[in-house]
N, C-alpha and C. Protein backbone atom coordinates (compact mmCIF):
# COMPACT_ATOMS: atom_id res chain seq x y z
N MET A 1 171.83 -70.60 -18.18
CA MET A 1 170.88 -69.81 -18.94
C MET A 1 170.58 -68.51 -18.24
N SER A 2 170.44 -67.50 -19.01
CA SER A 2 170.19 -66.19 -18.43
C SER A 2 168.70 -65.89 -18.28
N GLY A 3 167.85 -66.75 -18.78
CA GLY A 3 166.42 -66.51 -18.66
C GLY A 3 165.84 -65.69 -19.82
N ARG A 4 166.70 -65.24 -20.68
CA ARG A 4 166.23 -64.47 -21.83
C ARG A 4 165.87 -65.42 -22.97
N THR A 5 164.88 -65.04 -23.68
CA THR A 5 164.55 -65.81 -24.88
C THR A 5 164.81 -64.93 -26.09
N ARG A 6 165.31 -65.57 -27.09
CA ARG A 6 165.62 -64.81 -28.31
C ARG A 6 164.54 -65.10 -29.32
N THR A 7 163.84 -64.08 -29.70
CA THR A 7 162.86 -64.22 -30.77
C THR A 7 163.39 -63.48 -31.97
N ARG A 8 163.28 -64.12 -33.06
CA ARG A 8 163.78 -63.53 -34.28
C ARG A 8 162.75 -62.55 -34.84
N ALA A 9 163.21 -61.39 -35.21
CA ALA A 9 162.32 -60.37 -35.76
C ALA A 9 161.88 -60.77 -37.16
N CYS A 10 160.60 -60.61 -37.42
CA CYS A 10 160.05 -60.92 -38.73
C CYS A 10 159.73 -59.61 -39.44
N PRO A 11 160.24 -59.42 -40.65
CA PRO A 11 159.95 -58.18 -41.36
C PRO A 11 158.45 -58.04 -41.60
N VAL A 12 157.97 -56.82 -41.50
CA VAL A 12 156.56 -56.53 -41.70
C VAL A 12 156.40 -55.80 -43.03
N ARG A 13 155.42 -56.22 -43.80
CA ARG A 13 155.12 -55.59 -45.09
C ARG A 13 153.63 -55.22 -45.13
N THR A 14 153.26 -54.38 -46.08
CA THR A 14 151.87 -53.96 -46.23
C THR A 14 151.30 -54.52 -47.52
N CYS A 15 150.13 -55.12 -47.44
CA CYS A 15 149.44 -55.65 -48.62
C CYS A 15 148.97 -54.47 -49.46
N VAL A 16 149.27 -54.49 -50.76
CA VAL A 16 148.87 -53.38 -51.63
C VAL A 16 147.37 -53.40 -51.89
N GLY A 17 146.70 -54.51 -51.62
CA GLY A 17 145.26 -54.60 -51.84
C GLY A 17 144.47 -54.03 -50.69
N CYS A 18 144.58 -54.66 -49.53
CA CYS A 18 143.76 -54.26 -48.37
C CYS A 18 144.47 -53.26 -47.46
N ARG A 19 145.76 -53.03 -47.69
CA ARG A 19 146.58 -52.09 -46.92
C ARG A 19 146.80 -52.52 -45.47
N GLU A 20 146.60 -53.81 -45.17
CA GLU A 20 146.87 -54.31 -43.83
C GLU A 20 148.33 -54.75 -43.74
N ARG A 21 148.90 -54.57 -42.57
CA ARG A 21 150.27 -54.98 -42.34
C ARG A 21 150.29 -56.42 -41.88
N ALA A 22 151.27 -57.17 -42.36
CA ALA A 22 151.42 -58.57 -41.98
C ALA A 22 152.88 -58.95 -42.08
N GLY A 23 153.22 -60.06 -41.49
CA GLY A 23 154.58 -60.57 -41.57
C GLY A 23 154.89 -60.98 -43.01
N LYS A 24 156.12 -60.81 -43.38
CA LYS A 24 156.54 -61.11 -44.75
C LYS A 24 156.19 -62.53 -45.19
N PRO A 25 156.33 -63.57 -44.34
CA PRO A 25 155.99 -64.93 -44.78
C PRO A 25 154.49 -65.12 -45.10
N GLU A 26 153.63 -64.26 -44.57
CA GLU A 26 152.19 -64.38 -44.79
C GLU A 26 151.75 -63.78 -46.12
N LEU A 27 152.63 -63.01 -46.75
CA LEU A 27 152.28 -62.31 -47.99
C LEU A 27 153.01 -62.90 -49.18
N LEU A 28 152.45 -62.68 -50.35
CA LEU A 28 153.04 -63.12 -51.61
C LEU A 28 153.72 -61.93 -52.27
N ARG A 29 154.99 -62.08 -52.60
CA ARG A 29 155.70 -61.01 -53.30
C ARG A 29 155.34 -61.07 -54.78
N VAL A 30 155.05 -59.91 -55.34
CA VAL A 30 154.72 -59.79 -56.76
C VAL A 30 155.79 -58.92 -57.39
N ALA A 31 156.32 -59.36 -58.53
CA ALA A 31 157.35 -58.61 -59.24
C ALA A 31 156.83 -58.26 -60.62
N LEU A 32 157.44 -57.27 -61.21
CA LEU A 32 157.07 -56.83 -62.55
C LEU A 32 158.10 -57.35 -63.54
N VAL A 33 157.63 -58.12 -64.52
CA VAL A 33 158.51 -58.68 -65.54
C VAL A 33 157.87 -58.42 -66.89
N GLY A 34 158.47 -57.53 -67.66
CA GLY A 34 157.99 -57.26 -69.00
C GLY A 34 156.55 -56.79 -69.05
N GLY A 35 156.12 -55.96 -68.12
CA GLY A 35 154.75 -55.46 -68.12
C GLY A 35 153.73 -56.42 -67.53
N ARG A 36 154.22 -57.53 -66.93
CA ARG A 36 153.32 -58.51 -66.31
C ARG A 36 153.62 -58.59 -64.82
N CYS A 37 152.57 -58.68 -64.03
CA CYS A 37 152.73 -58.92 -62.59
C CYS A 37 152.83 -60.43 -62.40
N VAL A 38 153.95 -60.90 -61.90
CA VAL A 38 154.15 -62.33 -61.72
C VAL A 38 154.45 -62.62 -60.25
N PRO A 39 153.97 -63.77 -59.75
CA PRO A 39 154.27 -64.14 -58.37
C PRO A 39 155.74 -64.48 -58.21
N ASP A 40 156.32 -64.05 -57.10
CA ASP A 40 157.73 -64.31 -56.81
C ASP A 40 157.82 -64.96 -55.44
N ARG A 41 157.52 -66.23 -55.36
CA ARG A 41 157.48 -66.93 -54.07
C ARG A 41 158.85 -67.09 -53.46
N ARG A 42 159.89 -67.10 -54.25
CA ARG A 42 161.25 -67.30 -53.72
C ARG A 42 161.97 -65.99 -53.41
N ASP A 43 161.35 -64.85 -53.70
CA ASP A 43 161.97 -63.53 -53.48
C ASP A 43 163.29 -63.39 -54.23
N THR A 44 163.34 -63.87 -55.46
CA THR A 44 164.59 -63.83 -56.21
C THR A 44 164.54 -62.95 -57.45
N LEU A 45 163.36 -62.52 -57.86
CA LEU A 45 163.27 -61.70 -59.07
C LEU A 45 163.79 -60.30 -58.79
N ARG A 46 164.39 -59.72 -59.80
CA ARG A 46 164.99 -58.40 -59.68
C ARG A 46 163.93 -57.32 -59.67
N GLY A 47 164.33 -56.17 -59.17
CA GLY A 47 163.47 -54.99 -59.23
C GLY A 47 162.58 -54.83 -58.01
N ARG A 48 161.73 -53.85 -58.11
CA ARG A 48 160.80 -53.55 -57.02
C ARG A 48 159.80 -54.68 -56.86
N GLY A 49 159.32 -54.83 -55.68
CA GLY A 49 158.31 -55.85 -55.40
C GLY A 49 157.14 -55.22 -54.68
N ALA A 50 155.99 -55.84 -54.83
CA ALA A 50 154.79 -55.45 -54.10
C ALA A 50 154.32 -56.68 -53.36
N TYR A 51 153.71 -56.50 -52.21
CA TYR A 51 153.27 -57.63 -51.41
C TYR A 51 151.75 -57.67 -51.36
N LEU A 52 151.23 -58.90 -51.37
CA LEU A 52 149.79 -59.11 -51.49
C LEU A 52 149.40 -60.33 -50.68
N HIS A 53 148.27 -60.25 -49.98
CA HIS A 53 147.74 -61.45 -49.33
C HIS A 53 147.35 -62.45 -50.41
N PRO A 54 147.51 -63.74 -50.17
CA PRO A 54 147.16 -64.73 -51.19
C PRO A 54 145.64 -64.94 -51.25
N ALA A 55 144.92 -63.87 -51.63
CA ALA A 55 143.47 -63.91 -51.73
C ALA A 55 143.03 -63.08 -52.94
N SER A 56 142.05 -63.58 -53.65
CA SER A 56 141.55 -62.87 -54.83
C SER A 56 140.98 -61.51 -54.48
N ALA A 57 140.38 -61.40 -53.30
CA ALA A 57 139.79 -60.12 -52.89
C ALA A 57 140.86 -59.02 -52.81
N CYS A 58 142.01 -59.36 -52.27
CA CYS A 58 143.10 -58.37 -52.19
C CYS A 58 143.62 -58.02 -53.57
N LEU A 59 143.70 -59.00 -54.47
CA LEU A 59 144.14 -58.73 -55.83
C LEU A 59 143.16 -57.80 -56.53
N GLU A 60 141.86 -58.05 -56.38
CA GLU A 60 140.84 -57.21 -57.02
C GLU A 60 140.91 -55.78 -56.50
N GLN A 61 141.11 -55.63 -55.19
CA GLN A 61 141.24 -54.29 -54.62
C GLN A 61 142.46 -53.58 -55.18
N ALA A 62 143.57 -54.30 -55.28
CA ALA A 62 144.80 -53.69 -55.77
C ALA A 62 144.64 -53.23 -57.22
N VAL A 63 143.98 -54.04 -58.04
CA VAL A 63 143.77 -53.67 -59.44
C VAL A 63 142.82 -52.48 -59.53
N ARG A 64 141.75 -52.52 -58.75
CA ARG A 64 140.76 -51.44 -58.80
C ARG A 64 141.36 -50.11 -58.33
N ARG A 65 142.21 -50.17 -57.31
CA ARG A 65 142.82 -48.96 -56.77
C ARG A 65 144.08 -48.54 -57.51
N LYS A 66 144.48 -49.31 -58.52
CA LYS A 66 145.71 -49.06 -59.29
C LYS A 66 146.94 -49.03 -58.38
N ALA A 67 146.94 -49.94 -57.42
CA ALA A 67 148.04 -50.01 -56.45
C ALA A 67 149.32 -50.51 -57.08
N PHE A 68 149.22 -51.39 -58.08
CA PHE A 68 150.43 -51.88 -58.73
C PHE A 68 151.13 -50.76 -59.51
N ASN A 69 150.36 -49.84 -60.07
CA ASN A 69 150.96 -48.70 -60.77
C ASN A 69 151.83 -47.90 -59.81
N ARG A 70 151.33 -47.66 -58.61
CA ARG A 70 152.11 -46.90 -57.62
C ARG A 70 153.28 -47.73 -57.09
N ALA A 71 153.04 -48.98 -56.81
CA ALA A 71 154.10 -49.82 -56.23
C ALA A 71 155.27 -49.98 -57.19
N PHE A 72 154.98 -50.14 -58.48
CA PHE A 72 156.04 -50.35 -59.46
C PHE A 72 156.47 -49.04 -60.14
N ARG A 73 155.84 -47.95 -59.73
CA ARG A 73 156.18 -46.62 -60.27
C ARG A 73 156.14 -46.61 -61.79
N GLY A 74 155.05 -47.14 -62.33
CA GLY A 74 154.89 -47.19 -63.78
C GLY A 74 153.49 -46.79 -64.18
N PRO A 75 153.31 -46.51 -65.46
CA PRO A 75 152.01 -46.03 -65.92
C PRO A 75 150.94 -47.12 -65.97
N GLY A 76 151.35 -48.39 -66.12
CA GLY A 76 150.37 -49.48 -66.18
C GLY A 76 149.41 -49.28 -67.35
N PRO A 77 148.35 -49.98 -67.46
CA PRO A 77 147.97 -51.09 -66.59
C PRO A 77 148.85 -52.31 -66.86
N PHE A 78 149.07 -53.09 -65.84
CA PHE A 78 149.90 -54.27 -65.94
C PHE A 78 149.03 -55.51 -66.08
N ASP A 79 149.54 -56.50 -66.79
CA ASP A 79 148.81 -57.75 -67.00
C ASP A 79 148.89 -58.58 -65.72
N THR A 80 147.73 -58.94 -65.17
CA THR A 80 147.68 -59.70 -63.92
C THR A 80 147.12 -61.10 -64.12
N ALA A 81 147.01 -61.58 -65.35
CA ALA A 81 146.40 -62.89 -65.62
C ALA A 81 147.16 -64.02 -64.93
N GLU A 82 148.48 -64.02 -65.02
CA GLU A 82 149.27 -65.08 -64.40
C GLU A 82 149.11 -65.07 -62.88
N LEU A 83 149.05 -63.89 -62.31
CA LEU A 83 148.87 -63.75 -60.87
C LEU A 83 147.48 -64.24 -60.46
N ARG A 84 146.46 -63.91 -61.24
CA ARG A 84 145.09 -64.39 -60.97
C ARG A 84 145.03 -65.91 -60.98
N ASP A 85 145.64 -66.54 -61.99
CA ASP A 85 145.65 -68.00 -62.07
C ASP A 85 146.36 -68.61 -60.86
N HIS A 86 147.45 -68.00 -60.47
CA HIS A 86 148.23 -68.48 -59.34
C HIS A 86 147.39 -68.45 -58.06
N LEU A 87 146.72 -67.33 -57.81
CA LEU A 87 145.91 -67.19 -56.61
C LEU A 87 144.68 -68.10 -56.64
N LYS A 88 144.09 -68.26 -57.83
CA LYS A 88 142.92 -69.13 -57.96
C LYS A 88 143.29 -70.57 -57.61
N HIS A 89 144.43 -71.03 -58.10
CA HIS A 89 144.90 -72.38 -57.79
C HIS A 89 145.13 -72.53 -56.29
N PHE A 90 145.73 -71.53 -55.66
CA PHE A 90 146.00 -71.59 -54.23
C PHE A 90 144.70 -71.65 -53.43
N GLU A 91 143.70 -70.86 -53.81
CA GLU A 91 142.44 -70.84 -53.08
C GLU A 91 141.68 -72.16 -53.25
N GLU A 92 141.81 -72.80 -54.40
CA GLU A 92 141.09 -74.05 -54.64
C GLU A 92 141.75 -75.24 -53.95
N THR A 93 143.07 -75.30 -53.97
CA THR A 93 143.77 -76.48 -53.47
C THR A 93 144.47 -76.27 -52.13
N GLY A 94 144.73 -75.03 -51.77
CA GLY A 94 145.47 -74.77 -50.54
C GLY A 94 146.97 -74.91 -50.73
N ARG A 95 147.41 -75.15 -51.97
CA ARG A 95 148.84 -75.28 -52.29
C ARG A 95 149.18 -74.34 -53.43
N TRP A 96 150.43 -73.95 -53.45
CA TRP A 96 150.89 -73.13 -54.57
C TRP A 96 151.10 -74.03 -55.78
N PRO A 97 150.84 -73.54 -56.98
CA PRO A 97 151.09 -74.35 -58.18
C PRO A 97 152.58 -74.59 -58.38
N ALA A 98 152.90 -75.69 -59.04
CA ALA A 98 154.29 -75.99 -59.35
C ALA A 98 154.83 -74.96 -60.33
N PRO A 99 156.09 -74.59 -60.20
CA PRO A 99 156.67 -73.63 -61.14
C PRO A 99 156.65 -74.19 -62.56
N ARG A 100 156.40 -73.31 -63.50
CA ARG A 100 156.40 -73.72 -64.91
C ARG A 100 157.83 -73.98 -65.35
N SER A 101 157.97 -74.89 -66.31
CA SER A 101 159.31 -75.13 -66.85
C SER A 101 159.73 -73.92 -67.67
N GLY A 102 161.01 -73.62 -67.66
CA GLY A 102 161.49 -72.44 -68.36
C GLY A 102 160.97 -71.20 -67.67
N ALA A 103 161.28 -71.05 -66.42
CA ALA A 103 160.73 -70.01 -65.56
C ALA A 103 160.47 -68.73 -66.33
N SER A 104 159.30 -68.17 -66.11
CA SER A 104 158.83 -67.03 -66.88
C SER A 104 159.67 -65.78 -66.72
N ALA A 105 160.43 -65.67 -65.65
CA ALA A 105 161.14 -64.43 -65.41
C ALA A 105 162.65 -64.61 -65.32
N GLU A 106 163.16 -65.73 -65.72
CA GLU A 106 164.60 -65.95 -65.63
C GLU A 106 165.36 -64.90 -66.41
N GLY A 107 166.16 -64.14 -65.71
CA GLY A 107 167.03 -63.17 -66.35
C GLY A 107 166.32 -62.00 -67.00
N ALA A 108 165.06 -61.82 -66.75
CA ALA A 108 164.31 -60.72 -67.37
C ALA A 108 164.48 -59.45 -66.55
N ASP A 109 164.59 -58.37 -67.22
CA ASP A 109 164.67 -57.05 -66.56
C ASP A 109 163.35 -56.35 -66.70
N ARG A 110 163.20 -55.27 -65.93
CA ARG A 110 161.97 -54.49 -66.03
C ARG A 110 161.94 -53.83 -67.34
């Protein structure tokens, strides 16, 4: 052994709500699908993404500051109801909700 330790670099992203930097695994990726902001926990949805702490306070700040409009480079306002429900469930139970059948964003483009 050479005495060196290898630490894997973790990508850093900025929360669009509170503007704090955090590691990518700590944040929830949000994607735009048909004018709706939807959670993208698997990082598989197409298009631009915005990152958000899994807290309602950060979501409220992002909506109030129109951060999603800037992040998605669109006029907005975007529907955040699904994202609100997702975060509410996480805050109440400490777990992410199960994916809905017939995934809401399968094959959808911006």
